[in-house]
Amino acid sequence: MLDQSMKVDLEVASTFFRDDSGTIHCADALGFLNSLSTNVADIVFLDPPFNLGKKYGEHSKADDLAPENEYEEFIQGVLTESIRVLKPGGAFYLYHIPQWAIRFASFLSKDLDFRQWIAISMKNGFARPGYLYPAHYALLYFSKGDPNVFNRPKIPTTKCRHCDGYIKDYGGYVKYVEDGINLSDVWDDLSPVRHAKTKNRPSNELPIDLLRRVVQISGYRGGLLIDPFVGSGTSIIAAKETEMVFLANDRDETACQISKNRYLNHIGN
């Protein structure tokens, strides 16, 4: 349940939805973060627009195509406020494309401890002249000092769908992988949800298993997850499953409505 230290200044970030597990707000990401207390979040998760000219909800493609210096300044402002609201020992995650992730990793390293660059498989990327074929998104993982929580999840070993044998040769270590293998920093079994039949909005969305892993690594029952770019609500579903509380936000009212509906459907099932 949300306690007083987790409350949002409602004059700054208007409440779109509230229940005992968290709130969804409809405001600018910086305004939302500015309204929060210092040192309250156990996890801050950011999946901002990539500035690639994509259309999100009611906003035009031009809204996601700012001059690079303006975009960088905006995201750095969001990062600064995210660091402020993150409690000592808390975990910070940023999902982005590598060309921006490497810049923001340098910025974050001034105040946080780098822990992992996680590569998330990219399906159907577009080749750029003079570059190798892009095949991954970056999920940056930082902590504010030594992490309060760190769990290393196990995932099932990959088997051939025809013969049911292991895809990789584990040699004499087969007995050690029968119950799964330790999660590495290459997540090639996940990729953004793109198919219209399986996503909750026209834009791409993150797979629920990605957020489940984030929460499994760094979350705990009763902890607080903050997401200033909630999109279709994937993070709040993962938080609810783990009995974390959440403070979520999106500037687009359509995204807030999608997140609310998805959340209500989830807790109703």
Protein backbone atom coordinates (compact mmCIF):
# COMPACT_ATOMS: atom_id res chain seq x y z
CA MET A 1 0.00 0.00 0.00
CA LEU A 2 1.19 3.52 -0.80
CA ASP A 3 2.42 5.43 2.25
CA GLN A 4 2.70 9.19 2.64
CA SER A 5 6.33 9.33 1.45
CA MET A 6 5.19 7.91 -1.91
CA LYS A 7 2.48 10.48 -2.58
CA VAL A 8 2.54 12.74 -5.63
CA ASP A 9 1.91 16.49 -5.54
CA LEU A 10 -1.40 16.41 -7.37
CA GLU A 11 -1.17 20.07 -8.35
CA VAL A 12 1.80 19.11 -10.53
CA ALA A 13 0.83 15.63 -11.71
CA SER A 14 -2.91 15.03 -12.05
CA THR A 15 -4.15 11.64 -10.90
CA PHE A 16 -5.73 9.58 -13.68
CA PHE A 17 -6.28 6.41 -11.65
CA ARG A 18 -5.68 5.30 -8.08
CA ASP A 19 -6.06 2.15 -6.01
CA ASP A 20 -4.29 0.66 -2.99
CA SER A 21 -1.43 -0.65 -5.14
CA GLY A 22 -0.55 2.56 -6.96
CA THR A 23 -1.48 5.52 -9.09
CA ILE A 24 -1.36 6.46 -12.75
CA HIS A 25 -0.81 10.14 -13.57
CA CYS A 26 -1.20 12.06 -16.80
CA ALA A 27 1.52 14.71 -16.96
CA ASP A 28 4.86 15.59 -18.50
CA ALA A 29 7.53 13.17 -17.27
CA LEU A 30 9.64 15.92 -15.72
CA GLY A 31 6.66 17.51 -14.00
CA PHE A 32 5.69 14.13 -12.60
CA LEU A 33 9.18 13.37 -11.30
CA ASN A 34 9.56 16.88 -9.85
CA SER A 35 6.45 16.24 -7.77
CA LEU A 36 7.93 13.19 -6.03
CA SER A 37 9.82 13.03 -2.75
CA THR A 38 13.56 12.32 -2.66
CA ASN A 39 14.93 8.81 -2.03
CA VAL A 40 11.66 6.87 -2.27
CA ALA A 41 11.93 4.49 -5.25
CA ASP A 42 13.26 0.95 -5.11
CA ILE A 43 13.12 0.69 -8.91
CA VAL A 44 12.97 3.46 -11.49
CA PHE A 45 12.23 2.12 -14.95
CA LEU A 46 12.47 4.35 -18.04
CA ASP A 47 11.33 3.47 -21.54
CA PRO A 48 11.17 6.94 -23.13
CA PRO A 49 10.31 7.76 -26.74
CA PHE A 50 13.43 7.25 -28.87
CA ASN A 51 13.12 10.48 -30.88
CA LEU A 52 12.65 8.52 -34.10
CA GLY A 53 9.51 10.25 -35.36
CA LYS A 54 7.04 7.67 -34.03
CA LYS A 55 3.42 8.51 -33.32
CA TYR A 56 2.28 7.93 -29.75
CA GLY A 57 -1.42 8.27 -29.00
CA GLU A 58 -2.70 11.78 -29.55
CA HIS A 59 0.74 13.19 -30.31
CA SER A 60 2.07 13.62 -33.85
CA LYS A 61 5.23 12.09 -35.28
CA ALA A 62 6.86 15.53 -35.13
CA ASP A 63 6.55 15.46 -31.33
CA ASP A 64 8.98 12.53 -31.34
CA LEU A 65 11.51 14.17 -33.63
CA ALA A 66 13.16 17.00 -31.71
CA PRO A 67 16.62 18.37 -32.51
CA GLU A 68 19.21 16.07 -30.94
CA ASN A 69 20.46 18.63 -28.44
CA GLU A 70 16.91 19.32 -27.21
CA TYR A 71 16.12 15.64 -26.87
CA GLU A 72 19.35 14.94 -25.03
CA GLU A 73 18.74 17.84 -22.65
CA PHE A 74 15.21 16.61 -21.94
CA ILE A 75 16.26 13.03 -21.22
CA GLN A 76 19.15 14.18 -19.05
CA GLY A 77 16.65 16.22 -17.03
CA VAL A 78 14.53 13.10 -16.59
CA LEU A 79 17.61 11.10 -15.59
CA THR A 80 18.64 13.71 -13.02
CA GLU A 81 15.22 13.66 -11.39
CA SER A 82 15.10 9.86 -11.55
CA ILE A 83 18.39 9.68 -9.66
CA ARG A 84 16.99 12.05 -7.03
CA VAL A 85 13.85 9.98 -6.36
CA LEU A 86 15.79 6.68 -6.30
CA LYS A 87 16.59 5.58 -2.76
CA PRO A 88 20.13 4.54 -1.77
CA GLY A 89 20.58 0.96 -2.90
CA GLY A 90 17.75 1.32 -5.43
CA ALA A 91 17.89 0.04 -9.01
CA PHE A 92 17.65 2.16 -12.14
CA TYR A 93 16.82 0.77 -15.60
CA LEU A 94 16.85 2.60 -18.93
CA TYR A 95 15.61 0.93 -22.13
CA HIS A 96 16.88 2.61 -25.30
CA ILE A 97 18.64 2.14 -28.61
CA PRO A 98 22.43 1.76 -28.35
CA GLN A 99 23.36 5.08 -30.00
CA TRP A 100 21.57 6.93 -27.19
CA ALA A 101 22.18 4.40 -24.43
CA ILE A 102 25.94 4.87 -24.65
CA ARG A 103 25.58 8.63 -24.19
CA PHE A 104 23.18 8.33 -21.28
CA ALA A 105 25.28 5.62 -19.64
CA SER A 106 28.14 8.12 -19.42
CA PHE A 107 25.80 10.69 -17.89
CA LEU A 108 24.37 8.23 -15.36
CA SER A 109 27.82 7.01 -14.31
CA LYS A 110 28.49 10.33 -12.63
CA ASP A 111 25.98 9.56 -9.87
CA LEU A 112 25.13 5.87 -10.09
CA ASP A 113 27.07 2.62 -10.18
CA PHE A 114 27.03 0.81 -13.51
CA ARG A 115 26.00 -2.82 -13.16
CA GLN A 116 24.96 -4.18 -16.55
CA TRP A 117 24.41 -3.43 -20.22
CA ILE A 118 21.72 -5.95 -21.11
CA ALA A 119 21.20 -6.69 -24.80
CA ILE A 120 17.54 -7.25 -25.76
CA SER A 121 16.98 -8.99 -29.08
CA MET A 122 15.74 -6.75 -31.90
CA LYS A 123 13.64 -8.46 -34.53
CA ASN A 124 13.09 -6.93 -37.99
CA GLY A 125 15.62 -4.12 -37.61
CA PHE A 126 16.50 -1.93 -40.58
CA ALA A 127 20.05 -1.88 -41.90
CA ARG A 128 21.78 1.51 -42.13
CA PRO A 129 24.40 2.19 -44.82
CA GLY A 130 27.89 1.88 -43.37
CA TYR A 131 26.79 0.04 -40.22
CA LEU A 132 26.34 -3.57 -39.15
CA TYR A 133 22.79 -4.86 -39.00
CA PRO A 134 21.19 -3.68 -35.71
CA ALA A 135 20.18 -6.66 -33.62
CA HIS A 136 19.65 -5.42 -30.06
CA TYR A 137 18.17 -2.78 -27.80
CA ALA A 138 20.04 -1.73 -24.67
CA LEU A 139 18.68 -2.13 -21.16
CA LEU A 140 21.01 -0.22 -18.84
CA TYR A 141 21.04 -1.33 -15.23
CA PHE A 142 22.54 0.96 -12.57
CA SER A 143 22.26 1.10 -8.80
CA LYS A 144 22.57 3.91 -6.28
CA GLY A 145 25.46 2.39 -4.35
CA ASP A 146 25.42 -1.28 -3.43
CA PRO A 147 22.04 -2.75 -4.40
CA ASN A 148 19.57 -3.42 -1.61
CA VAL A 149 18.12 -6.27 -3.65
CA PHE A 150 19.75 -8.44 -6.28
CA ASN A 151 18.41 -11.79 -7.42
CA ARG A 152 19.78 -13.82 -10.31
CA PRO A 153 16.81 -15.47 -12.04
CA LYS A 154 17.01 -18.76 -13.85
CA ILE A 155 15.43 -19.30 -17.24
CA PRO A 156 14.52 -22.56 -18.98
CA THR A 157 17.14 -24.10 -21.25
CA THR A 158 16.29 -23.86 -24.94
CA LYS A 159 15.36 -27.16 -26.58
CA CYS A 160 14.80 -28.23 -30.16
CA ARG A 161 11.09 -28.35 -30.94
CA HIS A 162 11.63 -31.41 -33.12
CA CYS A 163 13.88 -33.69 -31.04
CA ASP A 164 13.51 -32.06 -27.60
CA GLY A 165 17.29 -31.98 -27.25
CA TYR A 166 19.26 -29.02 -25.91
CA ILE A 167 20.11 -26.41 -28.56
CA LYS A 168 23.48 -25.72 -26.91
CA ASP A 169 26.09 -28.33 -26.09
CA TYR A 170 26.48 -28.32 -22.30
CA GLY A 171 28.87 -31.27 -22.31
CA GLY A 172 29.39 -32.70 -18.86
CA TYR A 173 27.38 -29.90 -17.24
CA VAL A 174 23.95 -31.10 -18.42
CA LYS A 175 22.94 -32.09 -14.90
CA TYR A 176 23.49 -28.50 -13.76
CA VAL A 177 21.10 -27.00 -16.31
CA GLU A 178 18.17 -29.36 -15.96
CA ASP A 179 16.41 -26.85 -13.68
CA GLY A 180 17.32 -23.88 -15.87
CA ILE A 181 20.32 -21.67 -16.53
CA ASN A 182 21.36 -18.43 -14.86
CA LEU A 183 20.10 -15.36 -16.66
CA SER A 184 22.86 -13.63 -18.61
CA ASP A 185 23.11 -10.09 -19.99
CA VAL A 186 21.93 -11.20 -23.46
CA TRP A 187 18.17 -11.66 -23.59
CA ASP A 188 17.67 -13.12 -27.05
CA ASP A 189 14.43 -14.83 -26.07
CA LEU A 190 12.63 -11.46 -25.80
CA SER A 191 11.81 -8.67 -28.22
CA PRO A 192 9.26 -5.83 -28.42
CA VAL A 193 5.65 -6.82 -29.03
CA ARG A 194 4.90 -5.79 -32.60
CA HIS A 195 1.94 -7.83 -33.81
CA ALA A 196 -1.40 -6.03 -33.64
CA LYS A 197 -3.10 -9.11 -32.22
CA THR A 198 -0.80 -9.32 -29.22
CA LYS A 199 -0.18 -5.70 -28.23
CA ASN A 200 -2.36 -3.22 -26.40
CA ARG A 201 -1.72 -0.12 -28.50
CA PRO A 202 -0.72 0.78 -32.09
CA SER A 203 2.88 1.53 -31.03
CA ASN A 204 5.29 -1.24 -30.06
CA GLU A 205 5.32 -2.26 -26.41
CA LEU A 206 7.70 -4.13 -24.15
CA PRO A 207 7.03 -7.81 -23.46
CA ILE A 208 5.76 -8.52 -19.97
CA ASP A 209 8.59 -11.00 -19.36
CA LEU A 210 11.15 -8.19 -19.66
CA LEU A 211 9.53 -6.26 -16.81
CA ARG A 212 9.01 -9.43 -14.81
CA ARG A 213 12.77 -10.01 -14.96
CA VAL A 214 13.51 -6.43 -13.90
CA VAL A 215 11.20 -6.80 -10.91
CA GLN A 216 12.54 -10.25 -10.11
CA ILE A 217 16.12 -8.96 -10.12
CA SER A 218 15.58 -5.77 -8.12
CA GLY A 219 12.10 -5.73 -6.61
CA TYR A 220 10.45 -7.02 -3.47
CA ARG A 221 7.00 -7.15 -1.94
CA GLY A 222 5.98 -3.70 -0.74
CA GLY A 223 8.76 -1.93 -2.65
CA LEU A 224 8.04 1.05 -4.90
CA LEU A 225 8.42 1.06 -8.70
CA ILE A 226 8.31 4.39 -10.55
CA ASP A 227 7.73 4.62 -14.31
CA PRO A 228 7.43 8.11 -15.87
CA PHE A 229 6.72 6.71 -19.38
CA VAL A 230 4.24 3.96 -18.60
CA GLY A 231 3.00 3.52 -22.19
CA SER A 232 0.72 0.49 -22.26
CA GLY A 233 1.17 -0.37 -18.59
CA THR A 234 3.54 -3.33 -18.77
CA SER A 235 5.57 -2.19 -15.75
CA ILE A 236 2.57 -1.84 -13.45
CA ILE A 237 1.38 -5.34 -14.34
CA ALA A 238 4.80 -6.73 -13.36
CA ALA A 239 4.77 -4.66 -10.16
CA LYS A 240 1.31 -5.89 -9.20
CA GLU A 241 2.29 -9.52 -9.78
CA THR A 242 5.15 -9.10 -7.30
CA GLU A 243 3.03 -7.09 -4.86
CA MET A 244 5.13 -3.98 -5.36
CA VAL A 245 3.40 -0.62 -5.32
CA PHE A 246 3.76 1.76 -8.24
CA LEU A 247 3.69 5.38 -9.30
CA ALA A 248 3.22 5.53 -13.07
CA ASN A 249 2.84 8.37 -15.52
CA ASP A 250 2.42 9.21 -19.18
CA ARG A 251 1.85 12.54 -20.87
CA ASP A 252 -0.59 10.93 -23.31
CA GLU A 253 -4.10 10.43 -21.96
CA THR A 254 -4.72 7.57 -24.38
CA ALA A 255 -1.74 5.70 -22.92
CA CYS A 256 -3.04 6.31 -19.39
CA GLN A 257 -6.43 4.90 -20.36
CA ILE A 258 -4.85 1.84 -22.00
CA SER A 259 -2.70 1.26 -18.90
CA LYS A 260 -5.68 1.64 -16.59
CA ASN A 261 -7.85 -0.76 -18.62
CA ARG A 262 -5.07 -3.32 -18.91
CA TYR A 263 -4.39 -3.13 -15.18
CA LEU A 264 -8.07 -3.51 -14.26
CA ASN A 265 -8.41 -6.46 -16.64
CA HIS A 266 -5.34 -8.04 -15.05
CA ILE A 267 -6.53 -7.76 -11.46
CA GLY A 268 -10.01 -8.86 -12.50
CA ASN A 269 -8.76 -12.16 -13.95
